[in-house]
Amino acid sequence: MHLKPELRIQVFGEPQPTPEEHITGNTTADPDAVVAHAHNQQELEALLPDLRGAIKKNTLIWLLYPKGNKAFHRDTIHTFMRTQGLQGTSMISVDKIWSAMRFKMLD
């Protein structure tokens, strides 16, 4: 996920179960990266105000979501995030339970 140890990372959401590559971070007013965990659309929408408040033009933005959810998957997430001014740029498999999408702010 390109999250180097020196980056200031802000984490949103409580993943259950915890991903194998668990990301920890501290609350910082000026993060280099944000990592959000959402199990469904409702959780993502609830996280969005805080997430938007933390990001700036060059912030790394990752959203982790559980695999196998027919109602909350890469296509629905990508479509929704685009309406919020965020463009999906890449996807990875974190472990057998979690996938992640990286986003950037639209110009």
N, C-alpha and C. Protein backbone atom coordinates (compact mmCIF):
# COMPACT_ATOMS: atom_id res chain seq x y z
N MET A 1 0.82 -1.20 0.00
CA MET A 1 0.00 0.00 0.00
C MET A 1 0.86 1.26 0.00
N HIS A 2 2.16 1.11 -0.10
CA HIS A 2 3.09 2.26 -0.14
C HIS A 2 3.02 3.10 1.12
N LEU A 3 2.82 2.46 2.26
CA LEU A 3 2.75 3.18 3.53
C LEU A 3 4.07 2.99 4.27
N LYS A 4 4.98 3.89 4.04
CA LYS A 4 6.31 3.82 4.64
C LYS A 4 6.23 4.22 6.11
N PRO A 5 7.15 3.70 6.92
CA PRO A 5 7.11 3.96 8.36
C PRO A 5 7.14 5.44 8.74
N GLU A 6 7.77 6.26 7.92
CA GLU A 6 7.88 7.68 8.27
C GLU A 6 6.61 8.48 7.96
N LEU A 7 5.66 7.88 7.27
CA LEU A 7 4.42 8.59 6.94
C LEU A 7 3.55 8.80 8.18
N ARG A 8 2.90 9.93 8.21
CA ARG A 8 1.89 10.18 9.25
C ARG A 8 0.57 9.63 8.71
N ILE A 9 0.04 8.63 9.41
CA ILE A 9 -1.14 7.92 8.93
C ILE A 9 -2.30 8.13 9.89
N GLN A 10 -3.45 8.45 9.34
CA GLN A 10 -4.66 8.53 10.15
C GLN A 10 -5.58 7.40 9.73
N VAL A 11 -6.07 6.64 10.71
CA VAL A 11 -6.90 5.47 10.46
C VAL A 11 -8.34 5.77 10.85
N PHE A 12 -9.28 5.37 9.99
CA PHE A 12 -10.70 5.56 10.23
C PHE A 12 -11.40 4.21 10.20
N GLY A 13 -12.32 3.98 11.11
CA GLY A 13 -13.10 2.75 11.13
C GLY A 13 -12.42 1.66 11.94
N GLU A 14 -13.21 0.68 12.33
CA GLU A 14 -12.73 -0.44 13.14
C GLU A 14 -12.92 -1.73 12.36
N PRO A 15 -11.84 -2.26 11.77
CA PRO A 15 -11.99 -3.48 10.98
C PRO A 15 -12.18 -4.72 11.85
N GLN A 16 -13.16 -5.52 11.52
CA GLN A 16 -13.39 -6.80 12.19
C GLN A 16 -13.69 -7.82 11.12
N PRO A 17 -12.89 -8.86 10.96
CA PRO A 17 -11.65 -9.11 11.70
C PRO A 17 -10.53 -8.20 11.22
N THR A 18 -9.51 -8.08 12.04
CA THR A 18 -8.38 -7.24 11.72
C THR A 18 -7.62 -7.80 10.52
N PRO A 19 -7.30 -6.96 9.53
CA PRO A 19 -6.53 -7.43 8.38
C PRO A 19 -5.16 -7.96 8.81
N GLU A 20 -4.65 -8.94 8.04
CA GLU A 20 -3.32 -9.48 8.34
C GLU A 20 -2.26 -8.39 8.31
N GLU A 21 -2.35 -7.50 7.35
CA GLU A 21 -1.44 -6.36 7.27
C GLU A 21 -2.12 -5.19 7.97
N HIS A 22 -2.19 -5.28 9.30
CA HIS A 22 -2.93 -4.28 10.06
C HIS A 22 -2.19 -2.94 10.04
N ILE A 23 -2.92 -1.91 9.73
CA ILE A 23 -2.37 -0.57 9.66
C ILE A 23 -2.72 0.15 10.95
N THR A 24 -1.72 0.68 11.60
CA THR A 24 -1.97 1.48 12.78
C THR A 24 -1.56 2.90 12.47
N GLY A 25 -2.13 3.81 13.15
CA GLY A 25 -1.79 5.20 12.93
C GLY A 25 -2.20 6.02 14.12
N ASN A 26 -1.86 7.27 14.06
CA ASN A 26 -2.27 8.16 15.12
C ASN A 26 -3.06 9.30 14.51
N THR A 27 -3.82 9.94 15.34
CA THR A 27 -4.59 11.07 14.86
C THR A 27 -3.64 12.24 14.67
N THR A 28 -3.64 12.77 13.50
CA THR A 28 -2.77 13.89 13.19
C THR A 28 -3.57 14.90 12.37
N ALA A 29 -3.28 16.15 12.57
CA ALA A 29 -4.01 17.19 11.86
C ALA A 29 -3.61 17.27 10.39
N ASP A 30 -2.47 16.69 10.05
CA ASP A 30 -1.96 16.81 8.69
C ASP A 30 -1.38 15.47 8.23
N PRO A 31 -2.24 14.45 8.00
CA PRO A 31 -1.71 13.13 7.63
C PRO A 31 -1.17 13.09 6.21
N ASP A 32 -0.17 12.24 6.00
CA ASP A 32 0.34 11.95 4.66
C ASP A 32 -0.54 10.91 3.98
N ALA A 33 -1.18 10.08 4.80
CA ALA A 33 -2.03 9.00 4.28
C ALA A 33 -3.21 8.79 5.22
N VAL A 34 -4.33 8.41 4.63
CA VAL A 34 -5.48 7.99 5.43
C VAL A 34 -5.86 6.58 4.99
N VAL A 35 -6.23 5.78 5.96
CA VAL A 35 -6.68 4.41 5.71
C VAL A 35 -8.04 4.29 6.37
N ALA A 36 -9.06 4.01 5.57
CA ALA A 36 -10.42 3.87 6.09
C ALA A 36 -10.86 2.42 5.93
N HIS A 37 -11.59 1.92 6.92
CA HIS A 37 -12.14 0.57 6.89
C HIS A 37 -13.66 0.69 6.91
N ALA A 38 -14.32 0.07 5.96
CA ALA A 38 -15.79 0.09 5.93
C ALA A 38 -16.28 -1.30 5.53
N HIS A 39 -17.26 -1.79 6.29
CA HIS A 39 -17.86 -3.10 6.00
C HIS A 39 -19.01 -2.99 5.01
N ASN A 40 -19.59 -1.78 4.87
CA ASN A 40 -20.74 -1.60 4.00
C ASN A 40 -20.87 -0.12 3.63
N GLN A 41 -21.84 0.16 2.78
CA GLN A 41 -22.06 1.52 2.29
C GLN A 41 -22.38 2.49 3.42
N GLN A 42 -23.17 2.04 4.38
CA GLN A 42 -23.55 2.92 5.49
C GLN A 42 -22.32 3.33 6.31
N GLU A 43 -21.43 2.39 6.56
CA GLU A 43 -20.21 2.74 7.30
C GLU A 43 -19.35 3.71 6.50
N LEU A 44 -19.24 3.50 5.21
CA LEU A 44 -18.46 4.41 4.36
C LEU A 44 -19.05 5.81 4.40
N GLU A 45 -20.35 5.91 4.27
CA GLU A 45 -21.00 7.23 4.30
C GLU A 45 -20.81 7.90 5.65
N ALA A 46 -20.82 7.14 6.74
CA ALA A 46 -20.61 7.70 8.07
C ALA A 46 -19.17 8.20 8.26
N LEU A 47 -18.21 7.52 7.64
CA LEU A 47 -16.80 7.91 7.75
C LEU A 47 -16.45 9.11 6.88
N LEU A 48 -17.22 9.33 5.84
CA LEU A 48 -16.85 10.31 4.82
C LEU A 48 -16.59 11.72 5.33
N PRO A 49 -17.41 12.29 6.21
CA PRO A 49 -17.11 13.66 6.66
C PRO A 49 -15.74 13.78 7.33
N ASP A 50 -15.39 12.83 8.19
CA ASP A 50 -14.08 12.87 8.85
C ASP A 50 -12.97 12.60 7.85
N LEU A 51 -13.20 11.68 6.94
CA LEU A 51 -12.22 11.35 5.92
C LEU A 51 -11.93 12.57 5.05
N ARG A 52 -12.98 13.24 4.59
CA ARG A 52 -12.80 14.42 3.74
C ARG A 52 -12.07 15.53 4.48
N GLY A 53 -12.33 15.64 5.77
CA GLY A 53 -11.65 16.66 6.56
C GLY A 53 -10.16 16.41 6.73
N ALA A 54 -9.73 15.17 6.54
CA ALA A 54 -8.33 14.80 6.75
C ALA A 54 -7.50 14.84 5.48
N ILE A 55 -8.15 14.82 4.32
CA ILE A 55 -7.37 14.70 3.08
C ILE A 55 -7.10 16.05 2.43
N LYS A 56 -5.97 16.07 1.75
CA LYS A 56 -5.59 17.23 0.93
C LYS A 56 -5.16 16.70 -0.42
N LYS A 57 -4.68 17.53 -1.29
CA LYS A 57 -4.39 17.17 -2.67
C LYS A 57 -3.50 15.93 -2.82
N ASN A 58 -2.43 15.82 -2.05
CA ASN A 58 -1.47 14.73 -2.23
C ASN A 58 -1.56 13.63 -1.18
N THR A 59 -2.63 13.60 -0.41
CA THR A 59 -2.78 12.56 0.61
C THR A 59 -3.03 11.21 -0.05
N LEU A 60 -2.33 10.17 0.44
CA LEU A 60 -2.63 8.80 0.01
C LEU A 60 -3.94 8.39 0.67
N ILE A 61 -4.88 7.90 -0.10
CA ILE A 61 -6.19 7.52 0.42
C ILE A 61 -6.43 6.05 0.11
N TRP A 62 -6.59 5.23 1.15
CA TRP A 62 -6.89 3.81 0.97
C TRP A 62 -8.19 3.48 1.68
N LEU A 63 -9.03 2.71 1.02
CA LEU A 63 -10.25 2.20 1.63
C LEU A 63 -10.18 0.68 1.63
N LEU A 64 -10.24 0.09 2.82
CA LEU A 64 -10.29 -1.36 2.95
C LEU A 64 -11.75 -1.78 3.11
N TYR A 65 -12.13 -2.84 2.41
CA TYR A 65 -13.49 -3.35 2.46
C TYR A 65 -13.44 -4.87 2.37
N PRO A 66 -14.42 -5.56 2.97
CA PRO A 66 -14.38 -7.03 2.96
C PRO A 66 -14.74 -7.60 1.59
N LYS A 67 -14.06 -8.68 1.25
CA LYS A 67 -14.34 -9.38 0.00
C LYS A 67 -15.67 -10.12 0.11
N GLY A 68 -16.31 -10.34 -1.04
CA GLY A 68 -17.48 -11.20 -1.09
C GLY A 68 -18.81 -10.56 -0.75
N ASN A 69 -18.85 -9.24 -0.59
CA ASN A 69 -20.11 -8.56 -0.29
C ASN A 69 -20.75 -8.16 -1.61
N LYS A 70 -21.86 -8.77 -1.96
CA LYS A 70 -22.50 -8.51 -3.25
C LYS A 70 -23.09 -7.10 -3.36
N ALA A 71 -23.36 -6.46 -2.24
CA ALA A 71 -23.93 -5.12 -2.26
C ALA A 71 -22.88 -4.01 -2.11
N PHE A 72 -21.68 -4.36 -1.67
CA PHE A 72 -20.63 -3.38 -1.40
C PHE A 72 -19.33 -3.94 -1.95
N HIS A 73 -18.99 -3.53 -3.15
CA HIS A 73 -17.83 -4.09 -3.84
C HIS A 73 -17.16 -3.00 -4.67
N ARG A 74 -16.11 -3.36 -5.39
CA ARG A 74 -15.30 -2.36 -6.09
C ARG A 74 -16.11 -1.44 -6.99
N ASP A 75 -17.09 -1.97 -7.70
CA ASP A 75 -17.86 -1.14 -8.62
C ASP A 75 -18.75 -0.14 -7.88
N THR A 76 -19.44 -0.60 -6.84
CA THR A 76 -20.32 0.31 -6.09
C THR A 76 -19.49 1.35 -5.34
N ILE A 77 -18.35 0.92 -4.79
CA ILE A 77 -17.48 1.85 -4.08
C ILE A 77 -16.92 2.89 -5.04
N HIS A 78 -16.42 2.44 -6.18
CA HIS A 78 -15.84 3.36 -7.17
C HIS A 78 -16.88 4.39 -7.61
N THR A 79 -18.08 3.94 -7.93
CA THR A 79 -19.14 4.85 -8.37
C THR A 79 -19.48 5.87 -7.30
N PHE A 80 -19.64 5.42 -6.06
CA PHE A 80 -19.98 6.33 -4.97
C PHE A 80 -18.86 7.33 -4.71
N MET A 81 -17.63 6.85 -4.62
CA MET A 81 -16.51 7.74 -4.31
C MET A 81 -16.32 8.79 -5.40
N ARG A 82 -16.60 8.43 -6.63
CA ARG A 82 -16.50 9.41 -7.72
C ARG A 82 -17.50 10.55 -7.51
N THR A 83 -18.69 10.25 -6.99
CA THR A 83 -19.65 11.32 -6.70
C THR A 83 -19.17 12.22 -5.56
N GLN A 84 -18.18 11.74 -4.82
CA GLN A 84 -17.62 12.50 -3.71
C GLN A 84 -16.32 13.22 -4.08
N GLY A 85 -15.98 13.20 -5.38
CA GLY A 85 -14.79 13.89 -5.85
C GLY A 85 -13.51 13.10 -5.70
N LEU A 86 -13.63 11.77 -5.59
CA LEU A 86 -12.46 10.91 -5.44
C LEU A 86 -12.44 9.87 -6.56
N GLN A 87 -11.29 9.70 -7.19
CA GLN A 87 -11.12 8.78 -8.31
C GLN A 87 -10.32 7.57 -7.85
N GLY A 88 -10.85 6.37 -8.12
CA GLY A 88 -10.10 5.15 -7.83
C GLY A 88 -8.91 5.03 -8.75
N THR A 89 -7.74 4.68 -8.18
CA THR A 89 -6.53 4.58 -8.99
C THR A 89 -5.92 3.19 -9.00
N SER A 90 -6.14 2.40 -7.96
CA SER A 90 -5.60 1.04 -7.93
C SER A 90 -6.33 0.21 -6.90
N MET A 91 -6.15 -1.10 -7.03
CA MET A 91 -6.77 -2.06 -6.10
C MET A 91 -5.74 -3.11 -5.73
N ILE A 92 -5.85 -3.61 -4.50
CA ILE A 92 -4.99 -4.71 -4.07
C ILE A 92 -5.79 -5.66 -3.19
N SER A 93 -5.29 -6.86 -3.06
CA SER A 93 -5.81 -7.81 -2.10
C SER A 93 -4.93 -7.71 -0.86
N VAL A 94 -5.53 -7.38 0.27
CA VAL A 94 -4.78 -7.24 1.52
C VAL A 94 -4.52 -8.60 2.14
N ASP A 95 -5.57 -9.42 2.22
CA ASP A 95 -5.48 -10.78 2.74
C ASP A 95 -6.69 -11.55 2.24
N LYS A 96 -7.00 -12.69 2.82
CA LYS A 96 -8.12 -13.49 2.31
C LYS A 96 -9.48 -12.88 2.61
N ILE A 97 -9.54 -11.90 3.50
CA ILE A 97 -10.81 -11.27 3.87
C ILE A 97 -10.96 -9.87 3.30
N TRP A 98 -9.88 -9.11 3.23
CA TRP A 98 -9.93 -7.70 2.88
C TRP A 98 -9.32 -7.39 1.52
N SER A 99 -9.97 -6.47 0.80
CA SER A 99 -9.42 -5.83 -0.40
C SER A 99 -9.25 -4.36 -0.08
N ALA A 100 -8.49 -3.66 -0.91
CA ALA A 100 -8.30 -2.23 -0.70
C ALA A 100 -8.29 -1.51 -2.05
N MET A 101 -8.86 -0.31 -2.04
CA MET A 101 -8.82 0.56 -3.21
C MET A 101 -8.12 1.85 -2.81
N ARG A 102 -7.28 2.33 -3.72
CA ARG A 102 -6.60 3.61 -3.50
C ARG A 102 -7.33 4.67 -4.31
N PHE A 103 -7.44 5.84 -3.73
CA PHE A 103 -8.14 6.96 -4.36
C PHE A 103 -7.26 8.20 -4.37
N LYS A 104 -7.59 9.11 -5.29
CA LYS A 104 -6.99 10.44 -5.30
C LYS A 104 -8.12 11.44 -5.51
N MET A 105 -7.86 12.67 -5.13
CA MET A 105 -8.85 13.72 -5.34
C MET A 105 -8.92 14.06 -6.82
N LEU A 106 -10.13 14.26 -7.32
CA LEU A 106 -10.30 14.71 -8.70
C LEU A 106 -9.93 16.18 -8.79
N ASP A 107 -9.40 16.57 -9.92
CA ASP A 107 -9.04 17.98 -10.12
C ASP A 107 -10.27 18.82 -10.35
